[in-house]
Amino acid sequence: MSKEESNLSPAKKAGTGGSIQVADILALPEAERKLVNWIRRQEAPTLGEVTAQMGGDEAEAIAMLEVLIKKGFLQQQEKAGRSIYRIVLAPKRGREVPKTLVQSFNEALGKIKFSTFIGLTFITVVLLMPFALSKVYLEVLRDRAFDWHQFILGDTYKLATGYIALFFVALEMLFTLRKRGRQWKISLPGSILVWRGLHIFIGVGLLAIVLVHTGGATGFNFNAIFLWVFFAVTLSALVGVTTETGVLESTRKHFTLVPERAGKISKFFPSFSKGRLIRQLRDIWLSTHIITVCAFFVMLAFHIFLAYYYQ
């Protein structure tokens, strides 16, 4: 082998038009290998997401990305005015789904924009409004359409809509299986970001099913507390990811509690880099979400027990 050949990157040695093998990734230095493996799981992260993953130092992130691009492990592309990064891997043999469909599906769910999250938040507010107004419209329904009122409160209606809600809860749990798949030796296709996108949309769908199941009634005693815990589960996740995405898509690199235009007083408040702010926000909303999810499942089991064996 000539000296010129020995300096070629794995992608160029492979002669596959820039494609590399998984084995080539294992030969990378630890820091580069971890970043490449993380990008593989994220499909096509932006520069902001890579920077946040590496601790918030954008210059360091750009430097490592450029090294990996030169080595042939990454491709840089432009999308909607932002740089995204993709892994260059040799294609697998065998029958495959058309790439255009797979990429469209992954980009739609794996790269949910801030504007989409705002839309989901608006839908969530609309779905929550009937719960605040249920005392009014349920009384009107009882007076003007008593048969419908009894049907909504009947056992058959509650049982059917309850099973649909349980199905949506089961779908929500698939995200946990995808996250913990390696530990539990369970393999599910798709990236974490795609599953997270499904998790969010299904969560809003579950809220709609709960509205149908309850008719908007908040209930009393245990059922009322159970419903509020469910609201906390939904809102903690939706508000958290919406805020996080807004920070990621922001052109600002540093954030303060008080705007700099406020003058000297702004110096008394801490300044956060984009990566640090995202990590601290995630510590808050994700911890809240996990705690409320645990409480939700305990109360769900008790709710099912009451529905079948007590009432």
C-alpha atoms as a PDB file:
ATOM      1  CA  MET A   1       0.000   0.000   0.000  1.00  0.00           C
ATOM      2  CA  SER A   2       1.346   3.405  -0.982  1.00  0.00           C
ATOM      3  CA  LYS A   3       1.679   6.312   1.437  1.00  0.00           C
ATOM      4  CA  GLU A   4      -1.032   8.179  -0.489  1.00  0.00           C
ATOM      5  CA  GLU A   5      -3.479   5.275  -0.060  1.00  0.00           C
ATOM      6  CA  SER A   6      -2.771   4.983   3.671  1.00  0.00           C
ATOM      7  CA  ASN A   7      -3.900   8.578   4.216  1.00  0.00           C
ATOM      8  CA  LEU A   8      -7.290   8.005   2.616  1.00  0.00           C
ATOM      9  CA  SER A   9     -10.365   8.080   4.838  1.00  0.00           C
ATOM     10  CA  PRO A  10     -12.354   4.858   5.319  1.00  0.00           C
ATOM     11  CA  ALA A  11     -15.038   6.207   3.005  1.00  0.00           C
ATOM     12  CA  LYS A  12     -12.592   6.810   0.170  1.00  0.00           C
ATOM     13  CA  LYS A  13     -10.863   3.476   0.707  1.00  0.00           C
ATOM     14  CA  ALA A  14     -14.201   1.685   0.476  1.00  0.00           C
ATOM     15  CA  GLY A  15     -14.778   3.023  -2.991  1.00  0.00           C
ATOM     16  CA  THR A  16     -18.501   3.239  -2.433  1.00  0.00           C
ATOM     17  CA  GLY A  17     -19.000   6.865  -3.298  1.00  0.00           C
ATOM     18  CA  GLY A  18     -18.469   8.130   0.252  1.00  0.00           C
ATOM     19  CA  SER A  19     -20.135   5.235   2.104  1.00  0.00           C
ATOM     20  CA  ILE A  20     -18.461   3.678   5.102  1.00  0.00           C
ATOM     21  CA  GLN A  21     -18.979   0.542   7.140  1.00  0.00           C
ATOM     22  CA  VAL A  22     -20.030   0.356  10.784  1.00  0.00           C
ATOM     23  CA  ALA A  23     -16.645  -1.198  11.594  1.00  0.00           C
ATOM     24  CA  ASP A  24     -14.935   2.040  10.510  1.00  0.00           C
ATOM     25  CA  ILE A  25     -16.814   3.946  13.231  1.00  0.00           C
ATOM     26  CA  LEU A  26     -15.341   1.668  15.907  1.00  0.00           C
ATOM     27  CA  ALA A  27     -11.832   2.747  14.882  1.00  0.00           C
ATOM     28  CA  LEU A  28     -12.538   6.431  15.604  1.00  0.00           C
ATOM     29  CA  PRO A  29     -11.254   8.199  18.751  1.00  0.00           C
ATOM     30  CA  GLU A  30     -13.718   7.937  21.618  1.00  0.00           C
ATOM     31  CA  ALA A  31     -15.103  11.496  21.419  1.00  0.00           C
ATOM     32  CA  GLU A  32     -15.633  11.284  17.652  1.00  0.00           C
ATOM     33  CA  ARG A  33     -17.127   7.785  17.902  1.00  0.00           C
ATOM     34  CA  LYS A  34     -19.648   8.912  20.534  1.00  0.00           C
ATOM     35  CA  LEU A  35     -20.704  11.887  18.408  1.00  0.00           C
ATOM     36  CA  VAL A  36     -21.086   9.759  15.257  1.00  0.00           C
ATOM     37  CA  ASN A  37     -23.178   7.182  17.129  1.00  0.00           C
ATOM     38  CA  TRP A  38     -25.350   9.944  18.617  1.00  0.00           C
ATOM     39  CA  ILE A  39     -25.926  11.478  15.161  1.00  0.00           C
ATOM     40  CA  ARG A  40     -26.871   8.018  13.843  1.00  0.00           C
ATOM     41  CA  ARG A  41     -29.629   7.805  16.465  1.00  0.00           C
ATOM     42  CA  GLN A  42     -30.888  11.345  15.758  1.00  0.00           C
ATOM     43  CA  GLU A  43     -31.146  10.883  11.960  1.00  0.00           C
ATOM     44  CA  ALA A  44     -30.137  14.443  10.926  1.00  0.00           C
ATOM     45  CA  PRO A  45     -29.487  16.846  13.821  1.00  0.00           C
ATOM     46  CA  THR A  46     -28.906  20.557  13.369  1.00  0.00           C
ATOM     47  CA  LEU A  47     -25.793  22.431  14.462  1.00  0.00           C
ATOM     48  CA  GLY A  48     -27.682  23.710  17.512  1.00  0.00           C
ATOM     49  CA  GLU A  49     -28.618  20.196  18.583  1.00  0.00           C
ATOM     50  CA  VAL A  50     -25.046  18.947  18.137  1.00  0.00           C
ATOM     51  CA  THR A  51     -23.776  21.913  20.130  1.00  0.00           C
ATOM     52  CA  ALA A  52     -26.232  21.206  22.949  1.00  0.00           C
ATOM     53  CA  GLN A  53     -25.206  17.532  22.995  1.00  0.00           C
ATOM     54  CA  MET A  54     -21.516  18.484  23.273  1.00  0.00           C
ATOM     55  CA  GLY A  55     -22.065  20.845  26.188  1.00  0.00           C
ATOM     56  CA  GLY A  56     -22.897  24.156  24.524  1.00  0.00           C
ATOM     57  CA  ASP A  57     -19.526  25.054  22.952  1.00  0.00           C
ATOM     58  CA  GLU A  58     -20.416  25.825  19.319  1.00  0.00           C
ATOM     59  CA  ALA A  59     -16.808  26.333  18.188  1.00  0.00           C
ATOM     60  CA  GLU A  60     -15.808  22.926  19.548  1.00  0.00           C
ATOM     61  CA  ALA A  61     -18.829  21.316  17.894  1.00  0.00           C
ATOM     62  CA  ILE A  62     -18.042  22.899  14.507  1.00  0.00           C
ATOM     63  CA  ALA A  63     -14.406  21.798  14.736  1.00  0.00           C
ATOM     64  CA  MET A  64     -15.287  18.161  15.416  1.00  0.00           C
ATOM     65  CA  LEU A  65     -17.986  18.133  12.726  1.00  0.00           C
ATOM     66  CA  GLU A  66     -15.493  19.447  10.164  1.00  0.00           C
ATOM     67  CA  VAL A  67     -13.021  16.704  11.108  1.00  0.00           C
ATOM     68  CA  LEU A  68     -15.666  14.013  10.670  1.00  0.00           C
ATOM     69  CA  ILE A  69     -16.763  15.508   7.336  1.00  0.00           C
ATOM     70  CA  LYS A  70     -13.172  15.441   6.066  1.00  0.00           C
ATOM     71  CA  LYS A  71     -12.820  11.830   7.177  1.00  0.00           C
ATOM     72  CA  GLY A  72     -15.924  10.946   5.202  1.00  0.00           C
ATOM     73  CA  PHE A  73     -18.169   9.988   8.108  1.00  0.00           C
ATOM     74  CA  LEU A  74     -20.609  12.905   7.831  1.00  0.00           C
ATOM     75  CA  GLN A  75     -22.355  14.942   5.179  1.00  0.00           C
ATOM     76  CA  GLN A  76     -23.418  18.538   5.751  1.00  0.00           C
ATOM     77  CA  GLN A  77     -26.653  19.646   4.118  1.00  0.00           C
ATOM     78  CA  GLU A  78     -28.743  22.801   4.193  1.00  0.00           C
ATOM     79  CA  LYS A  79     -32.427  22.684   5.065  1.00  0.00           C
ATOM     80  CA  ALA A  80     -34.629  25.707   5.695  1.00  0.00           C
ATOM     81  CA  GLY A  81     -31.524  27.867   6.136  1.00  0.00           C
ATOM     82  CA  ARG A  82     -30.003  25.585   8.784  1.00  0.00           C
ATOM     83  CA  SER A  83     -27.130  23.109   8.588  1.00  0.00           C
ATOM     84  CA  ILE A  84     -27.985  19.469   9.262  1.00  0.00           C
ATOM     85  CA  TYR A  85     -25.618  16.515   9.465  1.00  0.00           C
ATOM     86  CA  ARG A  86     -26.120  12.967   8.223  1.00  0.00           C
ATOM     87  CA  ILE A  87     -24.098   9.794   8.606  1.00  0.00           C
ATOM     88  CA  VAL A  88     -22.603   8.315   5.437  1.00  0.00           C
ATOM     89  CA  LEU A  89     -23.079   4.548   5.680  1.00  0.00           C
ATOM     90  CA  ALA A  90     -22.938   1.841   3.068  1.00  0.00           C
ATOM     91  CA  PRO A  91     -26.467   0.801   2.049  1.00  0.00           C
ATOM     92  CA  LYS A  92     -27.807  -2.498   3.352  1.00  0.00           C
ATOM     93  CA  ARG A  93     -28.629  -5.214   0.871  1.00  0.00           C
ATOM     94  CA  GLY A  94     -32.094  -6.563   0.382  1.00  0.00           C
ATOM     95  CA  ARG A  95     -35.525  -5.143  -0.185  1.00  0.00           C
ATOM     96  CA  GLU A  96     -36.024  -1.666   1.237  1.00  0.00           C
ATOM     97  CA  VAL A  97     -38.887   0.781   1.550  1.00  0.00           C
ATOM     98  CA  PRO A  98     -38.433   3.700  -0.908  1.00  0.00           C
ATOM     99  CA  LYS A  99     -36.117   6.199   0.740  1.00  0.00           C
ATOM    100  CA  THR A 100     -38.335   9.155  -0.088  1.00  0.00           C
ATOM    101  CA  LEU A 101     -41.171   7.750   2.038  1.00  0.00           C
ATOM    102  CA  VAL A 102     -38.901   6.844   4.942  1.00  0.00           C
ATOM    103  CA  GLN A 103     -37.147  10.201   4.904  1.00  0.00           C
ATOM    104  CA  SER A 104     -40.422  12.113   4.682  1.00  0.00           C
ATOM    105  CA  PHE A 105     -41.815  10.177   7.639  1.00  0.00           C
ATOM    106  CA  ASN A 106     -38.654  10.644   9.705  1.00  0.00           C
ATOM    107  CA  GLU A 107     -38.369  14.347   8.914  1.00  0.00           C
ATOM    108  CA  ALA A 108     -42.029  14.971   9.750  1.00  0.00           C
ATOM    109  CA  LEU A 109     -41.850  13.301  13.170  1.00  0.00           C
ATOM    110  CA  GLY A 110     -38.149  13.559  13.979  1.00  0.00           C
ATOM    111  CA  LYS A 111     -37.825  17.258  13.229  1.00  0.00           C
ATOM    112  CA  ILE A 112     -40.952  18.836  14.654  1.00  0.00           C
ATOM    113  CA  LYS A 113     -40.648  22.616  14.412  1.00  0.00           C
ATOM    114  CA  PHE A 114     -41.440  25.164  17.088  1.00  0.00           C
ATOM    115  CA  SER A 115     -44.428  26.392  15.062  1.00  0.00           C
ATOM    116  CA  THR A 116     -45.864  22.848  15.057  1.00  0.00           C
ATOM    117  CA  PHE A 117     -45.490  22.628  18.832  1.00  0.00           C
ATOM    118  CA  ILE A 118     -47.296  25.951  19.186  1.00  0.00           C
ATOM    119  CA  GLY A 119     -50.109  24.490  17.086  1.00  0.00           C
ATOM    120  CA  LEU A 120     -50.250  21.389  19.298  1.00  0.00           C
ATOM    121  CA  THR A 121     -50.330  23.617  22.372  1.00  0.00           C
ATOM    122  CA  PHE A 122     -53.285  25.532  20.914  1.00  0.00           C
ATOM    123  CA  ILE A 123     -55.103  22.235  20.185  1.00  0.00           C
ATOM    124  CA  THR A 124     -54.425  21.121  23.756  1.00  0.00           C
ATOM    125  CA  VAL A 125     -55.925  24.334  25.146  1.00  0.00           C
ATOM    126  CA  VAL A 126     -59.027  23.797  22.986  1.00  0.00           C
ATOM    127  CA  LEU A 127     -59.337  20.205  24.257  1.00  0.00           C
ATOM    128  CA  LEU A 128     -59.030  21.382  27.866  1.00  0.00           C
ATOM    129  CA  MET A 129     -61.719  24.075  27.577  1.00  0.00           C
ATOM    130  CA  PRO A 130     -64.699  21.655  27.774  1.00  0.00           C
ATOM    131  CA  PHE A 131     -63.488  20.438  31.167  1.00  0.00           C
ATOM    132  CA  ALA A 132     -63.792  24.007  32.476  1.00  0.00           C
ATOM    133  CA  LEU A 133     -67.268  24.428  30.966  1.00  0.00           C
ATOM    134  CA  SER A 134     -68.671  20.933  31.563  1.00  0.00           C
ATOM    135  CA  LYS A 135     -70.901  21.931  34.484  1.00  0.00           C
ATOM    136  CA  VAL A 136     -72.757  24.296  32.171  1.00  0.00           C
ATOM    137  CA  TYR A 137     -73.185  22.228  29.016  1.00  0.00           C
ATOM    138  CA  LEU A 138     -73.805  18.890  30.780  1.00  0.00           C
ATOM    139  CA  GLU A 139     -76.767  20.417  32.618  1.00  0.00           C
ATOM    140  CA  VAL A 140     -78.094  21.832  29.326  1.00  0.00           C
ATOM    141  CA  LEU A 141     -77.627  18.410  27.688  1.00  0.00           C
ATOM    142  CA  ARG A 142     -79.500  16.718  30.523  1.00  0.00           C
ATOM    143  CA  ASP A 143     -82.421  19.144  30.222  1.00  0.00           C
ATOM    144  CA  ARG A 144     -82.680  19.148  26.429  1.00  0.00           C
ATOM    145  CA  ALA A 145     -81.408  15.705  25.395  1.00  0.00           C
ATOM    146  CA  PHE A 146     -81.801  13.418  28.392  1.00  0.00           C
ATOM    147  CA  ASP A 147     -81.282  10.222  26.368  1.00  0.00           C
ATOM    148  CA  TRP A 148     -77.918  11.441  25.068  1.00  0.00           C
ATOM    149  CA  HIS A 149     -76.941  12.514  28.552  1.00  0.00           C
ATOM    150  CA  GLN A 150     -77.673   9.042  29.900  1.00  0.00           C
ATOM    151  CA  PHE A 151     -75.874   7.393  26.995  1.00  0.00           C
ATOM    152  CA  ILE A 152     -72.668   9.368  27.680  1.00  0.00           C
ATOM    153  CA  LEU A 153     -72.826   8.433  31.353  1.00  0.00           C
ATOM    154  CA  GLY A 154     -73.776   4.815  30.611  1.00  0.00           C
ATOM    155  CA  ASP A 155     -71.588   1.776  31.262  1.00  0.00           C
ATOM    156  CA  THR A 156     -71.376   0.710  27.586  1.00  0.00           C
ATOM    157  CA  TYR A 157     -70.134   4.110  26.435  1.00  0.00           C
ATOM    158  CA  LYS A 158     -67.636   4.352  29.308  1.00  0.00           C
ATOM    159  CA  LEU A 159     -66.342   0.824  28.668  1.00  0.00           C
ATOM    160  CA  ALA A 160     -65.859   1.319  24.921  1.00  0.00           C
ATOM    161  CA  THR A 161     -64.123   4.687  25.194  1.00  0.00           C
ATOM    162  CA  GLY A 162     -62.099   3.426  28.175  1.00  0.00           C
ATOM    163  CA  TYR A 163     -60.631   0.599  26.080  1.00  0.00           C
ATOM    164  CA  ILE A 164     -59.721   3.089  23.347  1.00  0.00           C
ATOM    165  CA  ALA A 165     -57.967   5.255  25.950  1.00  0.00           C
ATOM    166  CA  LEU A 166     -56.055   2.214  27.236  1.00  0.00           C
ATOM    167  CA  PHE A 167     -54.939   1.455  23.684  1.00  0.00           C
ATOM    168  CA  PHE A 168     -53.519   4.972  23.384  1.00  0.00           C
ATOM    169  CA  VAL A 169     -51.761   4.560  26.744  1.00  0.00           C
ATOM    170  CA  ALA A 170     -50.179   1.343  25.435  1.00  0.00           C
ATOM    171  CA  LEU A 171     -48.977   3.195  22.341  1.00  0.00           C
ATOM    172  CA  GLU A 172     -47.442   5.855  24.585  1.00  0.00           C
ATOM    173  CA  MET A 173     -45.479   3.173  26.434  1.00  0.00           C
ATOM    174  CA  LEU A 174     -43.805   2.070  23.182  1.00  0.00           C
ATOM    175  CA  PHE A 175     -41.613   5.178  23.445  1.00  0.00           C
ATOM    176  CA  THR A 176     -40.255   3.884  26.758  1.00  0.00           C
ATOM    177  CA  LEU A 177     -39.576   0.505  25.148  1.00  0.00           C
ATOM    178  CA  ARG A 178     -37.649   2.263  22.363  1.00  0.00           C
ATOM    179  CA  LYS A 179     -35.583   4.288  24.853  1.00  0.00           C
ATOM    180  CA  ARG A 180     -34.802   1.294  27.091  1.00  0.00           C
ATOM    181  CA  GLY A 181     -34.661  -1.267  24.277  1.00  0.00           C
ATOM    182  CA  ARG A 182     -30.973  -2.032  24.632  1.00  0.00           C
ATOM    183  CA  GLN A 183     -31.216  -2.585  28.375  1.00  0.00           C
ATOM    184  CA  TRP A 184     -34.315  -4.757  28.041  1.00  0.00           C
ATOM    185  CA  LYS A 185     -33.075  -6.486  24.853  1.00  0.00           C
ATOM    186  CA  ILE A 186     -36.080  -5.243  22.867  1.00  0.00           C
ATOM    187  CA  SER A 187     -35.532  -3.853  19.376  1.00  0.00           C
ATOM    188  CA  LEU A 188     -37.911  -1.336  17.803  1.00  0.00           C
ATOM    189  CA  PRO A 189     -37.170   0.355  14.451  1.00  0.00           C
ATOM    190  CA  GLY A 190     -36.824   4.100  14.061  1.00  0.00           C
ATOM    191  CA  SER A 191     -34.811   6.822  15.765  1.00  0.00           C
ATOM    192  CA  ILE A 192     -35.464   8.228  19.215  1.00  0.00           C
ATOM    193  CA  LEU A 193     -36.581  11.539  17.699  1.00  0.00           C
ATOM    194  CA  VAL A 194     -39.161   9.826  15.469  1.00  0.00           C
ATOM    195  CA  TRP A 195     -40.544   7.924  18.462  1.00  0.00           C
ATOM    196  CA  ARG A 196     -40.571  11.099  20.527  1.00  0.00           C
ATOM    197  CA  GLY A 197     -42.596  12.804  17.803  1.00  0.00           C
ATOM    198  CA  LEU A 198     -45.092   9.931  17.792  1.00  0.00           C
ATOM    199  CA  HIS A 199     -45.187  10.057  21.588  1.00  0.00           C
ATOM    200  CA  ILE A 200     -46.152  13.739  21.550  1.00  0.00           C
ATOM    201  CA  PHE A 201     -48.857  13.428  18.882  1.00  0.00           C
ATOM    202  CA  ILE A 202     -50.338  10.330  20.521  1.00  0.00           C
ATOM    203  CA  GLY A 203     -50.333  12.186  23.855  1.00  0.00           C
ATOM    204  CA  VAL A 204     -52.497  14.950  22.400  1.00  0.00           C
ATOM    205  CA  GLY A 205     -54.700  12.257  20.853  1.00  0.00           C
ATOM    206  CA  LEU A 206     -55.016  10.596  24.253  1.00  0.00           C
ATOM    207  CA  LEU A 207     -56.224  13.900  25.707  1.00  0.00           C
ATOM    208  CA  ALA A 208     -58.943  13.993  23.029  1.00  0.00           C
ATOM    209  CA  ILE A 209     -59.978  10.404  23.879  1.00  0.00           C
ATOM    210  CA  VAL A 210     -60.138  11.254  27.592  1.00  0.00           C
ATOM    211  CA  LEU A 211     -62.419  14.187  26.711  1.00  0.00           C
ATOM    212  CA  VAL A 212     -64.683  11.779  24.822  1.00  0.00           C
ATOM    213  CA  HIS A 213     -64.509   9.223  27.649  1.00  0.00           C
ATOM    214  CA  THR A 214     -65.441  11.689  30.391  1.00  0.00           C
ATOM    215  CA  GLY A 215     -67.675  13.969  28.360  1.00  0.00           C
ATOM    216  CA  GLY A 216     -65.669  16.812  29.868  1.00  0.00           C
ATOM    217  CA  ALA A 217     -66.810  16.011  33.412  1.00  0.00           C
ATOM    218  CA  THR A 218     -64.043  16.452  35.955  1.00  0.00           C
ATOM    219  CA  GLY A 219     -65.566  13.968  38.413  1.00  0.00           C
ATOM    220  CA  PHE A 220     -65.284  13.967  42.184  1.00  0.00           C
ATOM    221  CA  ASN A 221     -62.751  12.873  44.813  1.00  0.00           C
ATOM    222  CA  PHE A 222     -60.354  10.269  43.369  1.00  0.00           C
ATOM    223  CA  ASN A 223     -61.473  10.700  39.740  1.00  0.00           C
ATOM    224  CA  ALA A 224     -60.953  14.459  39.921  1.00  0.00           C
ATOM    225  CA  ILE A 225     -57.409  14.046  41.278  1.00  0.00           C
ATOM    226  CA  PHE A 226     -56.684  11.350  38.680  1.00  0.00           C
ATOM    227  CA  LEU A 227     -57.790  13.670  35.885  1.00  0.00           C
ATOM    228  CA  TRP A 228     -55.599  16.531  37.124  1.00  0.00           C
ATOM    229  CA  VAL A 229     -52.605  14.201  37.339  1.00  0.00           C
ATOM    230  CA  PHE A 230     -53.234  13.238  33.708  1.00  0.00           C
ATOM    231  CA  PHE A 231     -53.366  16.917  32.747  1.00  0.00           C
ATOM    232  CA  ALA A 232     -49.991  17.401  34.495  1.00  0.00           C
ATOM    233  CA  VAL A 233     -48.517  14.471  32.536  1.00  0.00           C
ATOM    234  CA  THR A 234     -49.619  15.978  29.224  1.00  0.00           C
ATOM    235  CA  LEU A 235     -48.750  19.605  29.935  1.00  0.00           C
ATOM    236  CA  SER A 236     -45.352  18.939  31.536  1.00  0.00           C
ATOM    237  CA  ALA A 237     -44.148  17.157  28.399  1.00  0.00           C
ATOM    238  CA  LEU A 238     -45.740  19.488  25.855  1.00  0.00           C
ATOM    239  CA  VAL A 239     -44.630  22.718  27.529  1.00  0.00           C
ATOM    240  CA  GLY A 240     -41.160  21.256  28.095  1.00  0.00           C
ATOM    241  CA  VAL A 241     -40.472  20.165  24.511  1.00  0.00           C
ATOM    242  CA  THR A 242     -42.066  23.335  23.104  1.00  0.00           C
ATOM    243  CA  THR A 243     -39.790  25.537  25.211  1.00  0.00           C
ATOM    244  CA  GLU A 244     -36.748  23.405  24.424  1.00  0.00           C
ATOM    245  CA  THR A 245     -37.439  23.524  20.681  1.00  0.00           C
ATOM    246  CA  GLY A 246     -37.931  27.282  20.842  1.00  0.00           C
ATOM    247  CA  VAL A 247     -34.507  27.681  22.447  1.00  0.00           C
ATOM    248  CA  LEU A 248     -32.908  25.370  19.875  1.00  0.00           C
ATOM    249  CA  GLU A 249     -34.385  27.255  16.921  1.00  0.00           C
ATOM    250  CA  SER A 250     -33.493  30.656  18.380  1.00  0.00           C
ATOM    251  CA  THR A 251     -30.636  32.543  16.717  1.00  0.00           C
ATOM    252  CA  ARG A 252     -29.461  33.759  20.122  1.00  0.00           C
ATOM    253  CA  LYS A 253     -26.446  32.038  21.675  1.00  0.00           C
ATOM    254  CA  HIS A 254     -26.936  33.334  25.230  1.00  0.00           C
ATOM    255  CA  PHE A 255     -30.069  33.873  27.309  1.00  0.00           C
ATOM    256  CA  THR A 256     -30.643  36.026  30.392  1.00  0.00           C
ATOM    257  CA  LEU A 257     -33.547  36.441  32.787  1.00  0.00           C
ATOM    258  CA  VAL A 258     -33.417  40.205  32.235  1.00  0.00           C
ATOM    259  CA  PRO A 259     -32.797  41.656  28.723  1.00  0.00           C
ATOM    260  CA  GLU A 260     -29.459  43.356  28.175  1.00  0.00           C
ATOM    261  CA  ARG A 261     -31.258  46.539  27.148  1.00  0.00           C
ATOM    262  CA  ALA A 262     -32.371  46.864  30.781  1.00  0.00           C
ATOM    263  CA  GLY A 263     -28.897  48.233  31.480  1.00  0.00           C
ATOM    264  CA  LYS A 264     -26.679  47.551  34.467  1.00  0.00           C
ATOM    265  CA  ILE A 265     -29.351  45.608  36.311  1.00  0.00           C
ATOM    266  CA  SER A 266     -29.040  42.775  33.767  1.00  0.00           C
ATOM    267  CA  LYS A 267     -25.482  42.088  35.011  1.00  0.00           C
ATOM    268  CA  PHE A 268     -26.831  40.917  38.373  1.00  0.00           C
ATOM    269  CA  PHE A 269     -28.687  38.037  36.728  1.00  0.00           C
ATOM    270  CA  PRO A 270     -27.005  34.897  35.350  1.00  0.00           C
ATOM    271  CA  SER A 271     -26.504  34.348  31.630  1.00  0.00           C
ATOM    272  CA  PHE A 272     -27.042  30.902  30.098  1.00  0.00           C
ATOM    273  CA  SER A 273     -25.583  29.416  26.956  1.00  0.00           C
ATOM    274  CA  LYS A 274     -28.028  27.587  24.703  1.00  0.00           C
ATOM    275  CA  GLY A 275     -26.763  24.139  25.739  1.00  0.00           C
ATOM    276  CA  ARG A 276     -26.763  24.929  29.463  1.00  0.00           C
ATOM    277  CA  LEU A 277     -30.252  26.422  29.351  1.00  0.00           C
ATOM    278  CA  ILE A 278     -31.641  23.381  27.531  1.00  0.00           C
ATOM    279  CA  ARG A 279     -30.084  20.987  30.069  1.00  0.00           C
ATOM    280  CA  GLN A 280     -31.465  22.931  33.049  1.00  0.00           C
ATOM    281  CA  LEU A 281     -34.934  23.228  31.524  1.00  0.00           C
ATOM    282  CA  ARG A 282     -34.905  19.514  30.718  1.00  0.00           C
ATOM    283  CA  ASP A 283     -33.982  18.672  34.303  1.00  0.00           C
ATOM    284  CA  ILE A 284     -37.117  20.507  35.443  1.00  0.00           C
ATOM    285  CA  TRP A 285     -39.767  19.433  32.940  1.00  0.00           C
ATOM    286  CA  LEU A 286     -38.534  15.863  32.431  1.00  0.00           C
ATOM    287  CA  SER A 287     -38.359  15.194  36.183  1.00  0.00           C
ATOM    288  CA  THR A 288     -41.881  16.594  36.573  1.00  0.00           C
ATOM    289  CA  HIS A 289     -43.094  14.466  33.672  1.00  0.00           C
ATOM    290  CA  ILE A 290     -41.573  11.241  35.034  1.00  0.00           C
ATOM    291  CA  ILE A 291     -42.989  11.802  38.530  1.00  0.00           C
ATOM    292  CA  THR A 292     -46.486  12.531  37.216  1.00  0.00           C
ATOM    293  CA  VAL A 293     -46.319   9.551  34.821  1.00  0.00           C
ATOM    294  CA  CYS A 294     -45.512   7.236  37.754  1.00  0.00           C
ATOM    295  CA  ALA A 295     -48.416   8.661  39.748  1.00  0.00           C
ATOM    296  CA  PHE A 296     -50.668   8.365  36.683  1.00  0.00           C
ATOM    297  CA  PHE A 297     -50.045   4.627  36.237  1.00  0.00           C
ATOM    298  CA  VAL A 298     -50.636   3.890  39.912  1.00  0.00           C
ATOM    299  CA  MET A 299     -53.914   5.822  39.800  1.00  0.00           C
ATOM    300  CA  LEU A 300     -54.859   4.247  36.453  1.00  0.00           C
ATOM    301  CA  ALA A 301     -54.602   0.764  37.958  1.00  0.00           C
ATOM    302  CA  PHE A 302     -56.746   1.859  40.902  1.00  0.00           C
ATOM    303  CA  HIS A 303     -59.250   3.529  38.559  1.00  0.00           C
ATOM    304  CA  ILE A 304     -59.656   0.302  36.557  1.00  0.00           C
ATOM    305  CA  PHE A 305     -60.089  -1.664  39.791  1.00  0.00           C
ATOM    306  CA  LEU A 306     -62.837   0.718  40.939  1.00  0.00           C
ATOM    307  CA  ALA A 307     -64.572   0.605  37.557  1.00  0.00           C
ATOM    308  CA  TYR A 308     -64.720  -3.195  37.422  1.00  0.00           C
ATOM    309  CA  TYR A 309     -65.036  -4.315  41.023  1.00  0.00           C
ATOM    310  CA  TYR A 310     -66.578  -1.461  42.964  1.00  0.00           C
ATOM    311  CA  GLN A 311     -68.955   0.468  40.778  1.00  0.00           C
END
